[in-house]
Amino acid sequence: MAVPGGARRRRQRQRRASTSAAGSLFVALVAALLCHGGVVQVTADDDVADPVAKTPDAADTADAAPHRRFEYKYSFKGPHLVQADGTIPFWIHSGNAIPSADQVRIAPSLKSQRGSVWSKNKVSFEHWEAEVTFRVSGRGRMGADGLAIWFTSAQGRQGPVYGASDKWNGVGIFFDSFDNDGKKNNPVIIVVGNNGKLVYNHKHDGSTQALGTCLRDFRNKPYPVRAKVTYYKKTLTVMINNGFTPDKDDFEFCTKVDNMIIPDEGFFGVSAATGGLADDHDVLSFLLFQLTEPGHTPPQPEAEIPEEDKDKYQEEFHNFQQELDKKREEFQKEHPDVQGEPIDELYESVNDREIRQVFEGQNRIHLEIKQLNRQLAMILDEQRRYVTVVTDEISKRGSNIGSGQLDVANQQLGTIVSSQQDLLRNLNEFRNAFYETLKQISASQQHHQQGGGVATYESVQHFNDIKEHLHSVRRDLEHLVQRGAQNPGEKVQKCPEVPPMPSCLSTVHFVIFIVVQSVLFLCYIMYKSQQEAAAKKFF
């Protein structure tokens, strides 16, 4: 049943009012907590510093964390990583790299593959921090060759060093997974700097050129591995999240290089390569942050956008707005019956969708409970028939019970009564669980009806039907309990001996079956021994 437009708009205004009231209450609570603490902390994600704040001391400035600013033009991440034409915004991929919606496969698990991704624009930050999330996975116990994170003065798209060019000018962080020198010190993370003249030493896994190393196994981890590379005050620090936990901030120290000199401008890149062995080298995200020292003014976003680009973007926005207005007018001309109604009313709001999903879930719960009610009714009918049969047998054969058979009949009747009581107890617990579920559903339904004003759904009648069914089940169960509890002594005296069950297999047939089975077993043993003797002739 459709809700009138006026009622829907009133309901939306009420929700907006309640949302704004909750937001103002939350802001007031946060302000009270900050005033009570007496200290306002500037987090790493703040983009604007307080110009009125007091100048900190030299020691405080040295210990304070730098300001971090996310740079989207030098980053990529999912879930919409690739554009419609298969390219990565602000990045270039080459070689065997395969970009997808949520990751970039730098090198697939095939032999002798090379791939890389590089930023299109040069980076001229004095201090920066890069967070790379990747996954290296393969079927073998060893992998090859590895993955590399680069900051170089030129893009090294193809080459022998983990899929990138040799003799680079900059720094490379290598995740080497293959042991070339046979020293059993892989997988390993290596930091290697180059001034554009050195040739990478593959034979010794770059150990003679390494500025810093740490042994970390980054292959086949349950969660993606995260590497945080920080260049701050001429110090390069590498932190690693081993991928054993889903905690994204669970980093541990890997290596640190002091007095590290790198180019003032350069490109960021990620490359990977495979050899005789192969792994899948997947990069899920590359996030770059510009760091600003405490006490310095962070860069303003408006200052970095030229006026020409602003005018161009503004003009594109106006053109898009005009095209949208034209299409709206054309739609109204083609559909005159829709004119006068807001277009937003034709679509479902977020709150309406949530309420609809809640009622659909309650409807499914109602159907499940109804099916369970039918199953309970079937069980009760079977129990009634069983009790009726036992009662009839007791009334028919009560006079034929001997004194020596009373104990056996007593034990059997006690077993039956105990099993019935257990069954009734379980059914009562099941019924109580149903009642608790119904209470919760009724409470949630009343809450949504008061907040959303939607009372046209038929769930109330469904739940009333469920309650009536459960009441009838309860009455039947109580009746069974009363019948089982009335005069147990008389039932014990009238309980007959259970007639012996006829045997389905006579003694002769059983003996014949055993003899035939033994003969077949001996024949199988002889056949098996002959087969083994024949097979030994070939060895």
Foldseek 3Di string as FASTA:
>chain_A
DDDDPVLQVVLVVVVVVVVVVVVVVVVVVVVVVCVVVVDDDDDQADQFDDPVDDDDDPVCLVPDFWRKDWDPLQKAFAQQQADPVQDGRQKDKDWPWHDDRQWIFQFAFDAWGKMKMKGPDKDQFPKKKKKWWKAKEDDDPFFDAWKKKWWFADFQTAPDPQGGHFLTAFKMWIQGGDQQQPPPQPRKIFIAHHRSPDGADVNHPNPVRGQFMFRADQHPAPAIKMWMWIQDPQKTWIWIDNRNDPDPPPTDGTIMHHNHDGDSMTMIMMMHTGHPGGIGMIIRMMIMIRTDRPPDTRDDPVVVDDPVNVVVVVVVVVVVVVVVVVVVVVVCVVPVVCPPPDPVVVDDDPLNVVVVVLVVVLVVVLVVLVVVLVVLVVVLVVVVVVVVVQVVVLVVCLVVADPVCLVVLLVVVVVVLVVLVVVLVVVVVVLVVVVVVLVVSVVVVVVCCVSNVDDPDPSVVSSVVSVVSSVVSVVSSVVVVVVSPPCPVVSSSSRHDDDDDDDPDDPVRVVVVVVVVVVVVVVVVVVVVVVVVVVVVVD
